[in-house]
PDB file of N, CA and C in Angstrom:
ATOM      1  N   PRO A   1       1.322   1.241  20.519  1.00  0.00           N
ATOM      2  CA  PRO A   1       0.902   0.908  21.875  1.00  0.00           C
ATOM      3  C   PRO A   1       2.107   0.610  22.770  1.00  0.00           C
ATOM      4  N   THR A   2       1.914   0.766  24.046  1.00  0.00           N
ATOM      5  CA  THR A   2       2.984   0.485  25.001  1.00  0.00           C
ATOM      6  C   THR A   2       2.938  -0.945  25.499  1.00  0.00           C
ATOM      7  N   GLY A   3       1.990  -1.725  25.009  1.00  0.00           N
ATOM      8  CA  GLY A   3       1.834  -3.140  25.318  1.00  0.00           C
ATOM      9  C   GLY A   3       0.959  -3.745  24.243  1.00  0.00           C
ATOM     10  N   ALA A   4       0.680  -5.028  24.338  1.00  0.00           N
ATOM     11  CA  ALA A   4      -0.224  -5.659  23.364  1.00  0.00           C
ATOM     12  C   ALA A   4      -1.537  -4.883  23.335  1.00  0.00           C
ATOM     13  N   ALA A   5      -2.128  -4.739  22.148  1.00  0.00           N
ATOM     14  CA  ALA A   5      -3.332  -3.920  22.012  1.00  0.00           C
ATOM     15  C   ALA A   5      -4.348  -4.581  21.098  1.00  0.00           C
ATOM     16  N   ASN A   6      -5.613  -4.314  21.371  1.00  0.00           N
ATOM     17  CA  ASN A   6      -6.710  -4.706  20.489  1.00  0.00           C
ATOM     18  C   ASN A   6      -7.240  -3.461  19.806  1.00  0.00           C
ATOM     19  N   TYR A   7      -7.364  -3.514  18.487  1.00  0.00           N
ATOM     20  CA  TYR A   7      -7.983  -2.439  17.713  1.00  0.00           C
ATOM     21  C   TYR A   7      -9.341  -2.964  17.262  1.00  0.00           C
ATOM     22  N   THR A   8     -10.417  -2.397  17.792  1.00  0.00           N
ATOM     23  CA  THR A   8     -11.765  -2.894  17.519  1.00  0.00           C
ATOM     24  C   THR A   8     -12.368  -2.182  16.318  1.00  0.00           C
ATOM     25  N   LEU A   9     -12.872  -2.960  15.368  1.00  0.00           N
ATOM     26  CA  LEU A   9     -13.530  -2.419  14.188  1.00  0.00           C
ATOM     27  C   LEU A   9     -14.912  -1.893  14.565  1.00  0.00           C
ATOM     28  N   PRO A  10     -15.468  -0.988  13.742  1.00  0.00           N
ATOM     29  CA  PRO A  10     -16.797  -0.448  14.046  1.00  0.00           C
ATOM     30  C   PRO A  10     -17.894  -1.488  13.826  1.00  0.00           C
ATOM     31  N   THR A  11     -19.053  -1.217  14.393  1.00  0.00           N
ATOM     32  CA  THR A  11     -20.201  -2.072  14.104  1.00  0.00           C
ATOM     33  C   THR A  11     -20.523  -1.947  12.623  1.00  0.00           C
ATOM     34  N   ALA A  12     -21.210  -2.930  12.097  1.00  0.00           N
ATOM     35  CA  ALA A  12     -21.577  -2.900  10.681  1.00  0.00           C
ATOM     36  C   ALA A  12     -22.478  -1.706  10.386  1.00  0.00           C
ATOM     37  N   ALA A  13     -23.435  -1.436  11.262  1.00  0.00           N
ATOM     38  CA  ALA A  13     -24.341  -0.302  11.051  1.00  0.00           C
ATOM     39  C   ALA A  13     -23.567   1.013  11.029  1.00  0.00           C
ATOM     40  N   SER A  14     -22.621   1.181  11.929  1.00  0.00           N
ATOM     41  CA  SER A  14     -21.822   2.412  11.962  1.00  0.00           C
ATOM     42  C   SER A  14     -21.017   2.585  10.683  1.00  0.00           C
ATOM     43  N   LEU A  15     -20.421   1.508  10.210  1.00  0.00           N
ATOM     44  CA  LEU A  15     -19.618   1.589   8.996  1.00  0.00           C
ATOM     45  C   LEU A  15     -20.485   1.911   7.785  1.00  0.00           C
ATOM     46  N   VAL A  16     -21.584   1.194   7.612  1.00  0.00           N
ATOM     47  CA  VAL A  16     -22.469   1.420   6.464  1.00  0.00           C
ATOM     48  C   VAL A  16     -23.038   2.840   6.501  1.00  0.00           C
ATOM     49  N   ASN A  17     -23.443   3.308   7.671  1.00  0.00           N
ATOM     50  CA  ASN A  17     -24.000   4.659   7.789  1.00  0.00           C
ATOM     51  C   ASN A  17     -22.972   5.746   7.513  1.00  0.00           C
ATOM     52  N   ALA A  18     -21.708   5.457   7.703  1.00  0.00           N
ATOM     53  CA  ALA A  18     -20.649   6.441   7.466  1.00  0.00           C
ATOM     54  C   ALA A  18     -20.235   6.520   6.000  1.00  0.00           C
ATOM     55  N   MET A  19     -20.834   5.679   5.154  1.00  0.00           N
ATOM     56  CA  MET A  19     -20.447   5.616   3.745  1.00  0.00           C
ATOM     57  C   MET A  19     -21.640   5.976   2.862  1.00  0.00           C
ATOM     58  N   PRO A  20     -21.849   7.269   2.576  1.00  0.00           N
ATOM     59  CA  PRO A  20     -22.977   7.671   1.734  1.00  0.00           C
ATOM     60  C   PRO A  20     -22.925   6.979   0.368  1.00  0.00           C
ATOM     61  N   GLY A  21     -24.062   6.463  -0.067  1.00  0.00           N
ATOM     62  CA  GLY A  21     -24.142   5.823  -1.375  1.00  0.00           C
ATOM     63  C   GLY A  21     -23.511   4.451  -1.443  1.00  0.00           C
ATOM     64  N   VAL A  22     -23.218   3.857  -0.311  1.00  0.00           N
ATOM     65  CA  VAL A  22     -22.565   2.548  -0.285  1.00  0.00           C
ATOM     66  C   VAL A  22     -23.453   1.486  -0.934  1.00  0.00           C
ATOM     67  N   ALA A  23     -22.833   0.517  -1.584  1.00  0.00           N
ATOM     68  CA  ALA A  23     -23.548  -0.589  -2.223  1.00  0.00           C
ATOM     69  C   ALA A  23     -22.860  -1.896  -1.855  1.00  0.00           C
ATOM     70  N   VAL A  24     -23.611  -2.967  -1.922  1.00  0.00           N
ATOM     71  CA  VAL A  24     -23.038  -4.291  -1.680  1.00  0.00           C
ATOM     72  C   VAL A  24     -21.900  -4.516  -2.676  1.00  0.00           C
ATOM     73  N   GLY A  25     -20.788  -4.977  -2.183  1.00  0.00           N
ATOM     74  CA  GLY A  25     -19.613  -5.204  -3.024  1.00  0.00           C
ATOM     75  C   GLY A  25     -18.607  -4.073  -2.986  1.00  0.00           C
ATOM     76  N   ASP A  26     -19.017  -2.901  -2.464  1.00  0.00           N
ATOM     77  CA  ASP A  26     -18.043  -1.817  -2.310  1.00  0.00           C
ATOM     78  C   ASP A  26     -16.937  -2.282  -1.371  1.00  0.00           C
ATOM     79  N   SER A  27     -15.744  -1.806  -1.611  1.00  0.00           N
ATOM     80  CA  SER A  27     -14.621  -2.248  -0.786  1.00  0.00           C
ATOM     81  C   SER A  27     -13.605  -1.127  -0.632  1.00  0.00           C
ATOM     82  N   PHE A  28     -12.778  -1.283   0.370  1.00  0.00           N
ATOM     83  CA  PHE A  28     -11.648  -0.385   0.567  1.00  0.00           C
ATOM     84  C   PHE A  28     -10.591  -1.124   1.377  1.00  0.00           C
ATOM     85  N   MET A  29      -9.399  -0.574   1.378  1.00  0.00           N
ATOM     86  CA  MET A  29      -8.305  -1.177   2.147  1.00  0.00           C
ATOM     87  C   MET A  29      -7.860  -0.207   3.226  1.00  0.00           C
ATOM     88  N   PHE A  30      -7.336  -0.772   4.305  1.00  0.00           N
ATOM     89  CA  PHE A  30      -6.640   0.034   5.297  1.00  0.00           C
ATOM     90  C   PHE A  30      -5.398  -0.729   5.736  1.00  0.00           C
ATOM     91  N   PHE A  31      -4.475   0.000   6.302  1.00  0.00           N
ATOM     92  CA  PHE A  31      -3.187  -0.570   6.687  1.00  0.00           C
ATOM     93  C   PHE A  31      -2.885  -0.224   8.140  1.00  0.00           C
ATOM     94  N   ILE A  32      -2.241  -1.144   8.819  1.00  0.00           N
ATOM     95  CA  ILE A  32      -1.725  -0.874  10.157  1.00  0.00           C
ATOM     96  C   ILE A  32      -0.217  -1.070  10.099  1.00  0.00           C
ATOM     97  N   ASN A  33       0.502  -0.021  10.457  1.00  0.00           N
ATOM     98  CA  ASN A  33       1.962  -0.041  10.503  1.00  0.00           C
ATOM     99  C   ASN A  33       2.360  -0.104  11.970  1.00  0.00           C
ATOM    100  N   ASN A  34       2.789  -1.258  12.420  1.00  0.00           N
ATOM    101  CA  ASN A  34       3.137  -1.447  13.822  1.00  0.00           C
ATOM    102  C   ASN A  34       4.626  -1.184  14.021  1.00  0.00           C
ATOM    103  N   ILE A  35       4.941  -0.012  14.538  1.00  0.00           N
ATOM    104  CA  ILE A  35       6.347   0.356  14.750  1.00  0.00           C
ATOM    105  C   ILE A  35       6.784   0.100  16.194  1.00  0.00           C
ATOM    106  N   THR A  36       5.962  -0.617  16.942  1.00  0.00           N
ATOM    107  CA  THR A  36       6.293  -0.922  18.337  1.00  0.00           C
ATOM    108  C   THR A  36       6.818  -2.350  18.452  1.00  0.00           C
ATOM    109  N   ALA A  37       7.143  -2.735  19.650  1.00  0.00           N
ATOM    110  CA  ALA A  37       7.609  -4.100  19.924  1.00  0.00           C
ATOM    111  C   ALA A  37       6.479  -4.971  20.461  1.00  0.00           C
ATOM    112  N   HIS A  38       5.237  -4.533  20.258  1.00  0.00           N
ATOM    113  CA  HIS A  38       4.080  -5.233  20.812  1.00  0.00           C
ATOM    114  C   HIS A  38       3.112  -5.626  19.701  1.00  0.00           C
ATOM    115  N   THR A  39       2.354  -6.680  19.922  1.00  0.00           N
ATOM    116  CA  THR A  39       1.408  -7.174  18.923  1.00  0.00           C
ATOM    117  C   THR A  39       0.089  -6.416  18.999  1.00  0.00           C
ATOM    118  N   ILE A  40      -0.437  -6.079  17.821  1.00  0.00           N
ATOM    119  CA  ILE A  40      -1.763  -5.476  17.696  1.00  0.00           C
ATOM    120  C   ILE A  40      -2.682  -6.543  17.120  1.00  0.00           C
ATOM    121  N   THR A  41      -3.847  -6.715  17.721  1.00  0.00           N
ATOM    122  CA  THR A  41      -4.843  -7.659  17.219  1.00  0.00           C
ATOM    123  C   THR A  41      -6.076  -6.879  16.785  1.00  0.00           C
ATOM    124  N   VAL A  42      -6.527  -7.100  15.554  1.00  0.00           N
ATOM    125  CA  VAL A  42      -7.752  -6.477  15.066  1.00  0.00           C
ATOM    126  C   VAL A  42      -8.920  -7.328  15.557  1.00  0.00           C
ATOM    127  N   VAL A  43      -9.856  -6.681  16.248  1.00  0.00           N
ATOM    128  CA  VAL A  43     -11.004  -7.353  16.847  1.00  0.00           C
ATOM    129  C   VAL A  43     -12.241  -7.008  16.033  1.00  0.00           C
ATOM    130  N   LYS A  44     -13.103  -7.988  15.826  1.00  0.00           N
ATOM    131  CA  LYS A  44     -14.173  -7.868  14.839  1.00  0.00           C
ATOM    132  C   LYS A  44     -15.171  -6.745  15.046  1.00  0.00           C
ATOM    133  N   GLY A  45     -15.486  -6.300  16.227  1.00  0.00           N
ATOM    134  CA  GLY A  45     -16.530  -5.292  16.371  1.00  0.00           C
ATOM    135  C   GLY A  45     -17.790  -5.815  15.723  1.00  0.00           C
ATOM    136  N   GLY A  46     -18.099  -5.365  14.507  1.00  0.00           N
ATOM    137  CA  GLY A  46     -19.271  -5.852  13.797  1.00  0.00           C
ATOM    138  C   GLY A  46     -18.937  -6.584  12.518  1.00  0.00           C
ATOM    139  N   ALA A  47     -17.688  -6.901  12.298  1.00  0.00           N
ATOM    140  CA  ALA A  47     -17.268  -7.523  11.042  1.00  0.00           C
ATOM    141  C   ALA A  47     -17.122  -9.026  11.184  1.00  0.00           C
ATOM    142  N   THR A  48     -17.091  -9.689  10.033  1.00  0.00           N
ATOM    143  CA  THR A  48     -16.646 -11.072   9.969  1.00  0.00           C
ATOM    144  C   THR A  48     -15.188 -11.021   9.541  1.00  0.00           C
ATOM    145  N   LEU A  49     -14.315 -11.625  10.321  1.00  0.00           N
ATOM    146  CA  LEU A  49     -12.878 -11.569  10.045  1.00  0.00           C
ATOM    147  C   LEU A  49     -12.389 -12.844   9.382  1.00  0.00           C
ATOM    148  N   ASP A  50     -11.402 -12.687   8.501  1.00  0.00           N
ATOM    149  CA  ASP A  50     -10.770 -13.828   7.859  1.00  0.00           C
ATOM    150  C   ASP A  50      -9.308 -13.469   7.621  1.00  0.00           C
ATOM    151  N   GLY A  51      -8.472 -14.469   7.575  1.00  0.00           N
ATOM    152  CA  GLY A  51      -7.059 -14.228   7.331  1.00  0.00           C
ATOM    153  C   GLY A  51      -6.331 -13.861   8.611  1.00  0.00           C
ATOM    154  N   THR A  52      -5.164 -13.282   8.461  1.00  0.00           N
ATOM    155  CA  THR A  52      -4.327 -12.914   9.600  1.00  0.00           C
ATOM    156  C   THR A  52      -4.788 -11.582  10.164  1.00  0.00           C
ATOM    157  N   VAL A  53      -5.151 -11.576  11.443  1.00  0.00           N
ATOM    158  CA  VAL A  53      -5.670 -10.355  12.058  1.00  0.00           C
ATOM    159  C   VAL A  53      -4.738  -9.805  13.136  1.00  0.00           C
ATOM    160  N   THR A  54      -3.554 -10.369  13.245  1.00  0.00           N
ATOM    161  CA  THR A  54      -2.562  -9.825  14.165  1.00  0.00           C
ATOM    162  C   THR A  54      -1.492  -9.089  13.374  1.00  0.00           C
ATOM    163  N   VAL A  55      -0.965  -8.046  13.995  1.00  0.00           N
ATOM    164  CA  VAL A  55       0.117  -7.272  13.393  1.00  0.00           C
ATOM    165  C   VAL A  55       1.256  -7.285  14.408  1.00  0.00           C
ATOM    166  N   THR A  56       2.249  -8.101  14.134  1.00  0.00           N
ATOM    167  CA  THR A  56       3.367  -8.230  15.065  1.00  0.00           C
ATOM    168  C   THR A  56       4.304  -7.035  14.937  1.00  0.00           C
ATOM    169  N   ASP A  57       5.288  -6.986  15.819  1.00  0.00           N
ATOM    170  CA  ASP A  57       6.190  -5.837  15.841  1.00  0.00           C
ATOM    171  C   ASP A  57       6.902  -5.655  14.508  1.00  0.00           C
ATOM    172  N   SER A  58       7.029  -4.402  14.114  1.00  0.00           N
ATOM    173  CA  SER A  58       7.752  -3.993  12.901  1.00  0.00           C
ATOM    174  C   SER A  58       7.149  -4.555  11.622  1.00  0.00           C
ATOM    175  N   VAL A  59       5.836  -4.746  11.604  1.00  0.00           N
ATOM    176  CA  VAL A  59       5.138  -5.281  10.430  1.00  0.00           C
ATOM    177  C   VAL A  59       4.082  -4.282   9.971  1.00  0.00           C
ATOM    178  N   ILE A  60       3.905  -4.187   8.649  1.00  0.00           N
ATOM    179  CA  ILE A  60       2.787  -3.451   8.070  1.00  0.00           C
ATOM    180  C   ILE A  60       1.839  -4.498   7.503  1.00  0.00           C
ATOM    181  N   ARG A  61       0.572  -4.466   7.914  1.00  0.00           N
ATOM    182  CA  ARG A  61      -0.405  -5.435   7.418  1.00  0.00           C
ATOM    183  C   ARG A  61      -1.522  -4.681   6.703  1.00  0.00           C
ATOM    184  N   ALA A  62      -1.929  -5.216   5.557  1.00  0.00           N
ATOM    185  CA  ALA A  62      -3.042  -4.667   4.789  1.00  0.00           C
ATOM    186  C   ALA A  62      -4.316  -5.432   5.126  1.00  0.00           C
ATOM    187  N   PHE A  63      -5.423  -4.715   5.127  1.00  0.00           N
ATOM    188  CA  PHE A  63      -6.736  -5.303   5.373  1.00  0.00           C
ATOM    189  C   PHE A  63      -7.684  -4.849   4.272  1.00  0.00           C
ATOM    190  N   LEU A  64      -8.479  -5.779   3.764  1.00  0.00           N
ATOM    191  CA  LEU A  64      -9.478  -5.491   2.743  1.00  0.00           C
ATOM    192  C   LEU A  64     -10.853  -5.596   3.376  1.00  0.00           C
ATOM    193  N   VAL A  65     -11.645  -4.539   3.236  1.00  0.00           N
ATOM    194  CA  VAL A  65     -13.008  -4.492   3.769  1.00  0.00           C
ATOM    195  C   VAL A  65     -13.972  -4.578   2.596  1.00  0.00           C
ATOM    196  N   ILE A  66     -14.945  -5.487   2.681  1.00  0.00           N
ATOM    197  CA  ILE A  66     -15.958  -5.634   1.633  1.00  0.00           C
ATOM    198  C   ILE A  66     -17.333  -5.560   2.279  1.00  0.00           C
ATOM    199  N   ILE A  67     -18.166  -4.664   1.780  1.00  0.00           N
ATOM    200  CA  ILE A  67     -19.542  -4.536   2.268  1.00  0.00           C
ATOM    201  C   ILE A  67     -20.355  -5.680   1.673  1.00  0.00           C
ATOM    202  N   THR A  68     -21.013  -6.462   2.535  1.00  0.00           N
ATOM    203  CA  THR A  68     -21.760  -7.633   2.058  1.00  0.00           C
ATOM    204  C   THR A  68     -23.268  -7.485   2.181  1.00  0.00           C
ATOM    205  N   ASN A  69     -23.733  -6.508   2.949  1.00  0.00           N
ATOM    206  CA  ASN A  69     -25.174  -6.286   3.085  1.00  0.00           C
ATOM    207  C   ASN A  69     -25.382  -4.872   3.587  1.00  0.00           C
ATOM    208  N   ILE A  70     -26.296  -4.130   2.960  1.00  0.00           N
ATOM    209  CA  ILE A  70     -26.587  -2.784   3.453  1.00  0.00           C
ATOM    210  C   ILE A  70     -27.940  -2.715   4.154  1.00  0.00           C
ATOM    211  N   THR A  71     -28.812  -3.675   3.895  1.00  0.00           N
ATOM    212  CA  THR A  71     -30.122  -3.683   4.550  1.00  0.00           C
ATOM    213  C   THR A  71     -29.986  -4.042   6.019  1.00  0.00           C
ATOM    214  N   THR A  72     -29.283  -5.120   6.296  1.00  0.00           N
ATOM    215  CA  THR A  72     -29.045  -5.516   7.687  1.00  0.00           C
ATOM    216  C   THR A  72     -27.587  -5.270   8.072  1.00  0.00           C
ATOM    217  N   ALA A  73     -26.903  -4.459   7.325  1.00  0.00           N
ATOM    218  CA  ALA A  73     -25.526  -4.015   7.570  1.00  0.00           C
ATOM    219  C   ALA A  73     -24.588  -5.150   7.962  1.00  0.00           C
ATOM    220  N   ALA A  74     -23.730  -5.510   7.023  1.00  0.00           N
ATOM    221  CA  ALA A  74     -22.733  -6.549   7.283  1.00  0.00           C
ATOM    222  C   ALA A  74     -21.511  -6.286   6.407  1.00  0.00           C
ATOM    223  N   TYR A  75     -20.350  -6.690   6.927  1.00  0.00           N
ATOM    224  CA  TYR A  75     -19.127  -6.560   6.140  1.00  0.00           C
ATOM    225  C   TYR A  75     -18.093  -7.588   6.568  1.00  0.00           C
ATOM    226  N   TYR A  76     -17.197  -7.890   5.631  1.00  0.00           N
ATOM    227  CA  TYR A  76     -16.076  -8.803   5.870  1.00  0.00           C
ATOM    228  C   TYR A  76     -14.791  -7.991   5.902  1.00  0.00           C
ATOM    229  N   VAL A  77     -13.860  -8.444   6.710  1.00  0.00           N
ATOM    230  CA  VAL A  77     -12.518  -7.871   6.723  1.00  0.00           C
ATOM    231  C   VAL A  77     -11.533  -9.018   6.556  1.00  0.00           C
ATOM    232  N   TYR A  78     -10.694  -8.902   5.528  1.00  0.00           N
ATOM    233  CA  TYR A  78      -9.679  -9.910   5.250  1.00  0.00           C
ATOM    234  C   TYR A  78      -8.312  -9.342   5.606  1.00  0.00           C
ATOM    235  N   GLY A  79      -7.608 -10.018   6.505  1.00  0.00           N
ATOM    236  CA  GLY A  79      -6.235  -9.643   6.803  1.00  0.00           C
ATOM    237  C   GLY A  79      -5.336 -10.257   5.747  1.00  0.00           C
ATOM    238  N   LEU A  80      -4.633  -9.417   5.018  1.00  0.00           N
ATOM    239  CA  LEU A  80      -3.797  -9.884   3.915  1.00  0.00           C
ATOM    240  C   LEU A  80      -2.353  -9.995   4.380  1.00  0.00           C
ATOM    241  N   THR A  81      -1.631 -10.940   3.800  1.00  0.00           N
ATOM    242  CA  THR A  81      -0.235 -11.102   4.195  1.00  0.00           C
ATOM    243  C   THR A  81       0.680 -10.437   3.201  1.00  0.00           C
TER     244      THR A  81
END
């Protein structure tokens, strides 16, 4: 980004619907590599967030996503250090 940025996560329904055969407890990781001089903030969209959700300049941050409900669609995202 050319300035501070918010990266918004998808709604829970969108995420669950995009994962055929998903089950409660399924998980995956994603990474943000911030090569700019600006802070990126992960915004919940439809998730429950925990841990560090900012990615400062020149930092790579890992995030763990865990599906917690498929009937009413819910998920957690943990920002890992």
